[in-house]
N, C-alpha and C. Protein backbone atom coordinates (compact mmCIF):
# COMPACT_ATOMS: atom_id res chain seq x y z
N ASN A 1 -14.41 2.38 -28.78
CA ASN A 1 -13.48 3.03 -29.66
C ASN A 1 -12.06 2.57 -29.32
N PRO A 2 -11.40 1.87 -30.24
CA PRO A 2 -10.06 1.36 -29.95
C PRO A 2 -9.04 2.45 -29.66
N TYR A 3 -9.24 3.64 -30.20
CA TYR A 3 -8.28 4.72 -29.95
C TYR A 3 -8.35 5.19 -28.50
N ILE A 4 -9.54 5.21 -27.94
CA ILE A 4 -9.69 5.59 -26.54
C ILE A 4 -9.08 4.52 -25.64
N ILE A 5 -9.34 3.27 -25.96
CA ILE A 5 -8.77 2.18 -25.16
C ILE A 5 -7.25 2.23 -25.21
N ARG A 6 -6.73 2.41 -26.38
CA ARG A 6 -5.27 2.51 -26.55
C ARG A 6 -4.72 3.67 -25.75
N ALA A 7 -5.41 4.80 -25.76
CA ALA A 7 -4.95 5.98 -25.01
C ALA A 7 -4.91 5.69 -23.51
N PHE A 8 -5.94 5.01 -22.99
CA PHE A 8 -5.94 4.65 -21.57
C PHE A 8 -4.76 3.73 -21.26
N ASN A 9 -4.52 2.73 -22.12
CA ASN A 9 -3.41 1.81 -21.89
C ASN A 9 -2.06 2.53 -21.94
N TYR A 10 -1.88 3.42 -22.92
CA TYR A 10 -0.61 4.14 -23.03
C TYR A 10 -0.37 5.05 -21.83
N ARG A 11 -1.42 5.79 -21.46
CA ARG A 11 -1.25 6.69 -20.32
C ARG A 11 -0.99 5.90 -19.04
N ALA A 12 -1.69 4.77 -18.89
CA ALA A 12 -1.47 3.92 -17.71
C ALA A 12 -0.04 3.43 -17.67
N THR A 13 0.49 3.07 -18.82
CA THR A 13 1.87 2.59 -18.89
C THR A 13 2.83 3.69 -18.45
N ILE A 14 2.59 4.90 -18.88
CA ILE A 14 3.44 6.02 -18.48
C ILE A 14 3.34 6.25 -16.98
N TYR A 15 2.12 6.24 -16.44
CA TYR A 15 1.94 6.39 -15.00
C TYR A 15 2.63 5.25 -14.24
N GLY A 16 2.67 4.09 -14.85
CA GLY A 16 3.25 2.91 -14.20
C GLY A 16 4.74 2.97 -13.98
N PHE A 17 5.42 3.92 -14.59
CA PHE A 17 6.85 4.07 -14.39
C PHE A 17 7.20 4.73 -13.07
N ASN A 18 6.22 5.35 -12.44
CA ASN A 18 6.48 6.10 -11.21
C ASN A 18 5.59 5.56 -10.08
N PRO A 19 6.18 5.03 -9.02
CA PRO A 19 5.38 4.49 -7.92
C PRO A 19 4.38 5.50 -7.35
N LYS A 20 4.67 6.79 -7.48
CA LYS A 20 3.75 7.81 -6.96
C LYS A 20 2.46 7.89 -7.77
N THR A 21 2.48 7.37 -9.00
CA THR A 21 1.28 7.44 -9.84
C THR A 21 0.71 6.05 -10.17
N TYR A 22 1.06 5.06 -9.38
CA TYR A 22 0.50 3.72 -9.60
C TYR A 22 -1.02 3.73 -9.54
N ASP A 23 -1.59 4.53 -8.63
CA ASP A 23 -3.05 4.57 -8.52
C ASP A 23 -3.68 5.10 -9.80
N LYS A 24 -3.06 6.07 -10.44
CA LYS A 24 -3.57 6.59 -11.71
C LYS A 24 -3.42 5.55 -12.81
N ALA A 25 -2.31 4.82 -12.79
CA ALA A 25 -2.11 3.77 -13.78
C ALA A 25 -3.18 2.70 -13.65
N LEU A 26 -3.43 2.27 -12.43
CA LEU A 26 -4.45 1.24 -12.22
C LEU A 26 -5.83 1.73 -12.65
N ALA A 27 -6.14 2.99 -12.38
CA ALA A 27 -7.44 3.55 -12.79
C ALA A 27 -7.58 3.54 -14.31
N ASP A 28 -6.50 3.90 -15.01
CA ASP A 28 -6.55 3.90 -16.48
C ASP A 28 -6.63 2.48 -17.03
N PHE A 29 -5.88 1.56 -16.46
CA PHE A 29 -6.00 0.17 -16.90
C PHE A 29 -7.40 -0.36 -16.64
N ASP A 30 -7.97 0.00 -15.50
CA ASP A 30 -9.35 -0.41 -15.19
C ASP A 30 -10.33 0.10 -16.24
N LYS A 31 -10.15 1.35 -16.64
CA LYS A 31 -11.04 1.94 -17.65
C LYS A 31 -10.86 1.25 -19.00
N ALA A 32 -9.63 0.94 -19.36
CA ALA A 32 -9.38 0.23 -20.62
C ALA A 32 -10.05 -1.14 -20.59
N ILE A 33 -9.98 -1.81 -19.47
CA ILE A 33 -10.61 -3.13 -19.33
C ILE A 33 -12.13 -3.00 -19.41
N GLU A 34 -12.67 -2.02 -18.70
CA GLU A 34 -14.12 -1.82 -18.70
C GLU A 34 -14.65 -1.62 -20.12
N ILE A 35 -13.99 -0.79 -20.89
CA ILE A 35 -14.43 -0.52 -22.26
C ILE A 35 -14.21 -1.76 -23.14
N SER A 36 -13.07 -2.40 -23.00
CA SER A 36 -12.73 -3.56 -23.83
C SER A 36 -13.65 -4.74 -23.60
N LEU A 37 -14.13 -4.89 -22.37
CA LEU A 37 -14.99 -6.04 -22.06
C LEU A 37 -16.35 -5.96 -22.75
N LYS A 38 -16.68 -4.82 -23.32
CA LYS A 38 -17.94 -4.71 -24.08
C LYS A 38 -17.87 -5.53 -25.37
N SER A 39 -16.66 -5.71 -25.89
CA SER A 39 -16.42 -6.54 -27.08
C SER A 39 -15.07 -7.23 -26.92
N PRO A 40 -14.97 -8.21 -26.01
CA PRO A 40 -13.67 -8.79 -25.68
C PRO A 40 -12.92 -9.43 -26.84
N GLU A 41 -13.63 -10.04 -27.77
CA GLU A 41 -12.92 -10.65 -28.90
C GLU A 41 -12.34 -9.59 -29.82
N LEU A 42 -13.07 -8.50 -29.98
CA LEU A 42 -12.61 -7.41 -30.83
C LEU A 42 -11.43 -6.66 -30.21
N PHE A 43 -11.46 -6.53 -28.87
CA PHE A 43 -10.46 -5.73 -28.18
C PHE A 43 -9.53 -6.56 -27.30
N LYS A 44 -9.34 -7.83 -27.64
CA LYS A 44 -8.53 -8.70 -26.77
C LYS A 44 -7.10 -8.20 -26.61
N GLU A 45 -6.54 -7.61 -27.64
CA GLU A 45 -5.17 -7.08 -27.56
C GLU A 45 -5.06 -6.06 -26.42
N TYR A 46 -6.06 -5.21 -26.29
CA TYR A 46 -6.05 -4.18 -25.26
C TYR A 46 -6.30 -4.78 -23.88
N LEU A 47 -7.14 -5.80 -23.83
CA LEU A 47 -7.37 -6.49 -22.56
C LEU A 47 -6.09 -7.13 -22.05
N ILE A 48 -5.38 -7.81 -22.94
CA ILE A 48 -4.13 -8.47 -22.57
C ILE A 48 -3.14 -7.43 -22.02
N LYS A 49 -3.01 -6.30 -22.71
CA LYS A 49 -2.07 -5.27 -22.27
C LYS A 49 -2.50 -4.67 -20.92
N ALA A 50 -3.78 -4.46 -20.74
CA ALA A 50 -4.26 -3.86 -19.49
C ALA A 50 -4.10 -4.84 -18.33
N TYR A 51 -4.48 -6.10 -18.53
CA TYR A 51 -4.30 -7.09 -17.46
C TYR A 51 -2.82 -7.26 -17.13
N GLY A 52 -1.98 -7.32 -18.17
CA GLY A 52 -0.55 -7.45 -17.95
C GLY A 52 0.04 -6.24 -17.24
N GLY A 53 -0.40 -5.06 -17.63
CA GLY A 53 0.07 -3.83 -16.98
C GLY A 53 -0.32 -3.77 -15.52
N ARG A 54 -1.57 -4.13 -15.24
CA ARG A 54 -2.00 -4.16 -13.84
C ARG A 54 -1.19 -5.18 -13.05
N ALA A 55 -0.92 -6.32 -13.66
CA ALA A 55 -0.15 -7.37 -12.97
C ALA A 55 1.22 -6.85 -12.57
N VAL A 56 1.89 -6.15 -13.46
CA VAL A 56 3.22 -5.62 -13.16
C VAL A 56 3.17 -4.62 -12.00
N ILE A 57 2.17 -3.77 -12.02
CA ILE A 57 2.05 -2.79 -10.93
C ILE A 57 1.76 -3.49 -9.60
N PHE A 58 0.85 -4.46 -9.63
CA PHE A 58 0.56 -5.20 -8.40
C PHE A 58 1.81 -5.93 -7.90
N TYR A 59 2.59 -6.48 -8.82
CA TYR A 59 3.82 -7.17 -8.41
C TYR A 59 4.76 -6.17 -7.75
N ALA A 60 4.91 -5.00 -8.33
CA ALA A 60 5.79 -3.97 -7.77
C ALA A 60 5.32 -3.52 -6.38
N GLN A 61 4.03 -3.66 -6.11
CA GLN A 61 3.47 -3.30 -4.81
C GLN A 61 3.43 -4.49 -3.85
N ASP A 62 4.06 -5.59 -4.24
CA ASP A 62 4.06 -6.82 -3.44
C ASP A 62 2.66 -7.38 -3.22
N ASP A 63 1.75 -7.09 -4.12
CA ASP A 63 0.38 -7.61 -4.07
C ASP A 63 0.31 -8.79 -5.05
N TYR A 64 0.85 -9.91 -4.61
CA TYR A 64 1.02 -11.07 -5.49
C TYR A 64 -0.31 -11.73 -5.86
N LYS A 65 -1.28 -11.66 -5.00
CA LYS A 65 -2.60 -12.24 -5.29
C LYS A 65 -3.24 -11.51 -6.47
N ASN A 66 -3.28 -10.18 -6.42
CA ASN A 66 -3.87 -9.43 -7.53
C ASN A 66 -3.02 -9.55 -8.79
N CYS A 67 -1.72 -9.62 -8.64
CA CYS A 67 -0.84 -9.84 -9.78
C CYS A 67 -1.21 -11.16 -10.45
N PHE A 68 -1.29 -12.22 -9.66
CA PHE A 68 -1.61 -13.55 -10.17
C PHE A 68 -2.98 -13.56 -10.85
N ASP A 69 -3.96 -12.93 -10.22
CA ASP A 69 -5.32 -12.90 -10.79
C ASP A 69 -5.35 -12.22 -12.15
N ASN A 70 -4.61 -11.13 -12.29
CA ASN A 70 -4.57 -10.42 -13.58
C ASN A 70 -3.82 -11.22 -14.64
N LEU A 71 -2.75 -11.88 -14.24
CA LEU A 71 -2.04 -12.74 -15.18
C LEU A 71 -2.93 -13.87 -15.65
N SER A 72 -3.69 -14.44 -14.74
CA SER A 72 -4.60 -15.54 -15.10
C SER A 72 -5.64 -15.07 -16.12
N LYS A 73 -6.13 -13.86 -15.96
CA LYS A 73 -7.10 -13.32 -16.93
C LYS A 73 -6.45 -13.13 -18.29
N ALA A 74 -5.23 -12.61 -18.31
CA ALA A 74 -4.53 -12.40 -19.59
C ALA A 74 -4.22 -13.73 -20.27
N LEU A 75 -3.88 -14.73 -19.47
CA LEU A 75 -3.50 -16.04 -20.02
C LEU A 75 -4.69 -16.81 -20.59
N GLN A 76 -5.89 -16.31 -20.40
CA GLN A 76 -7.07 -16.95 -20.99
C GLN A 76 -7.13 -16.71 -22.50
N PHE A 77 -6.38 -15.73 -22.97
CA PHE A 77 -6.38 -15.38 -24.39
C PHE A 77 -5.21 -16.07 -25.08
N GLU A 78 -5.33 -16.19 -26.38
CA GLU A 78 -4.21 -16.71 -27.17
C GLU A 78 -3.18 -15.59 -27.28
N LEU A 79 -1.97 -15.87 -26.82
CA LEU A 79 -0.92 -14.85 -26.77
C LEU A 79 0.22 -15.20 -27.73
N ASP A 80 0.90 -14.18 -28.21
CA ASP A 80 2.11 -14.42 -28.97
C ASP A 80 3.18 -14.91 -27.99
N ASP A 81 4.25 -15.51 -28.51
CA ASP A 81 5.26 -16.12 -27.64
C ASP A 81 5.89 -15.13 -26.67
N SER A 82 6.14 -13.92 -27.11
CA SER A 82 6.77 -12.93 -26.24
C SER A 82 5.85 -12.57 -25.06
N SER A 83 4.59 -12.30 -25.34
CA SER A 83 3.64 -11.98 -24.28
C SER A 83 3.43 -13.16 -23.35
N LEU A 84 3.30 -14.35 -23.94
CA LEU A 84 3.11 -15.55 -23.14
C LEU A 84 4.30 -15.76 -22.22
N ALA A 85 5.50 -15.59 -22.74
CA ALA A 85 6.70 -15.78 -21.93
C ALA A 85 6.73 -14.80 -20.75
N THR A 86 6.40 -13.55 -21.00
CA THR A 86 6.40 -12.55 -19.93
C THR A 86 5.36 -12.88 -18.87
N MET A 87 4.16 -13.24 -19.31
CA MET A 87 3.09 -13.57 -18.35
C MET A 87 3.46 -14.79 -17.52
N LEU A 88 4.02 -15.80 -18.17
CA LEU A 88 4.40 -17.02 -17.45
C LEU A 88 5.52 -16.75 -16.46
N TYR A 89 6.46 -15.90 -16.85
CA TYR A 89 7.56 -15.59 -15.94
C TYR A 89 7.03 -14.92 -14.67
N PHE A 90 6.20 -13.90 -14.85
CA PHE A 90 5.66 -13.22 -13.67
C PHE A 90 4.74 -14.12 -12.86
N ARG A 91 3.99 -15.00 -13.53
CA ARG A 91 3.16 -15.93 -12.77
C ARG A 91 4.06 -16.88 -11.97
N GLY A 92 5.18 -17.28 -12.56
CA GLY A 92 6.14 -18.10 -11.83
C GLY A 92 6.67 -17.40 -10.60
N LEU A 93 6.94 -16.10 -10.72
CA LEU A 93 7.40 -15.34 -9.56
C LEU A 93 6.31 -15.29 -8.48
N CYS A 94 5.06 -15.17 -8.90
CA CYS A 94 3.96 -15.19 -7.93
C CYS A 94 3.89 -16.55 -7.24
N TYR A 95 4.00 -17.61 -8.03
CA TYR A 95 3.99 -18.96 -7.43
C TYR A 95 5.10 -19.09 -6.38
N GLN A 96 6.27 -18.52 -6.66
CA GLN A 96 7.35 -18.55 -5.68
C GLN A 96 6.92 -17.87 -4.39
N GLN A 97 6.26 -16.73 -4.51
CA GLN A 97 5.80 -16.01 -3.32
C GLN A 97 4.76 -16.81 -2.54
N PHE A 98 4.01 -17.66 -3.25
CA PHE A 98 2.99 -18.49 -2.61
C PHE A 98 3.58 -19.79 -2.06
N GLY A 99 4.88 -20.01 -2.32
CA GLY A 99 5.53 -21.22 -1.85
C GLY A 99 5.26 -22.43 -2.72
N GLU A 100 4.75 -22.22 -3.91
CA GLU A 100 4.46 -23.31 -4.85
C GLU A 100 5.61 -23.41 -5.85
N ASN A 101 6.72 -23.95 -5.36
CA ASN A 101 7.97 -23.92 -6.13
C ASN A 101 7.96 -24.78 -7.38
N ASP A 102 7.24 -25.90 -7.38
CA ASP A 102 7.17 -26.72 -8.59
C ASP A 102 6.46 -25.97 -9.72
N LYS A 103 5.35 -25.33 -9.38
CA LYS A 103 4.62 -24.55 -10.39
C LYS A 103 5.45 -23.35 -10.84
N ALA A 104 6.15 -22.75 -9.90
CA ALA A 104 7.01 -21.61 -10.24
C ALA A 104 8.07 -22.03 -11.23
N GLN A 105 8.74 -23.12 -10.94
CA GLN A 105 9.81 -23.59 -11.82
C GLN A 105 9.27 -23.95 -13.20
N ALA A 106 8.09 -24.56 -13.26
CA ALA A 106 7.51 -24.94 -14.54
C ALA A 106 7.21 -23.70 -15.39
N ASP A 107 6.61 -22.68 -14.78
CA ASP A 107 6.29 -21.47 -15.54
C ASP A 107 7.55 -20.72 -15.97
N ILE A 108 8.50 -20.60 -15.08
CA ILE A 108 9.73 -19.87 -15.40
C ILE A 108 10.52 -20.60 -16.48
N SER A 109 10.58 -21.92 -16.40
CA SER A 109 11.28 -22.71 -17.43
C SER A 109 10.61 -22.55 -18.79
N LYS A 110 9.28 -22.62 -18.80
CA LYS A 110 8.56 -22.47 -20.07
C LYS A 110 8.78 -21.05 -20.63
N ALA A 111 8.78 -20.05 -19.76
CA ALA A 111 9.01 -18.67 -20.20
C ALA A 111 10.38 -18.54 -20.85
N ARG A 112 11.38 -19.14 -20.25
CA ARG A 112 12.74 -19.07 -20.81
C ARG A 112 12.84 -19.81 -22.14
N LYS A 113 12.13 -20.94 -22.27
CA LYS A 113 12.12 -21.67 -23.54
C LYS A 113 11.48 -20.84 -24.63
N LEU A 114 10.53 -19.99 -24.25
CA LEU A 114 9.88 -19.10 -25.22
C LEU A 114 10.70 -17.84 -25.50
N GLY A 115 11.84 -17.70 -24.82
CA GLY A 115 12.75 -16.60 -25.09
C GLY A 115 12.77 -15.49 -24.07
N PHE A 116 12.11 -15.68 -22.91
CA PHE A 116 12.13 -14.61 -21.90
C PHE A 116 13.52 -14.50 -21.31
N LYS A 117 14.00 -13.26 -21.23
CA LYS A 117 15.30 -12.99 -20.61
C LYS A 117 15.06 -11.99 -19.49
N ASN A 118 15.56 -12.31 -18.30
CA ASN A 118 15.39 -11.38 -17.18
C ASN A 118 16.67 -10.72 -16.81
């Protein structure tokens, strides 16, 4: 049910504004992903939002590996320019944390060309 998936994503986003409720946000994003994966082509929009949301929370927690993994999952889908730019920018930041500066610069430059402003 897309309305349930959307509700999990929205509530997770709200929880994601407060570091004290990151665990609740991740649980809701996990549930949205679990439901969406039953029909990934039908619910790809929700998968992208959930993977992206988890990535942001993991980044805020300095968990760059999980951030990167979630961004990689989201980037498997065809994204609009705004979403692509955001995902590439955060992946570039992860690459910086991994010491892969050439990859970081490439992703961040591409994100800016797509209109990302930080």
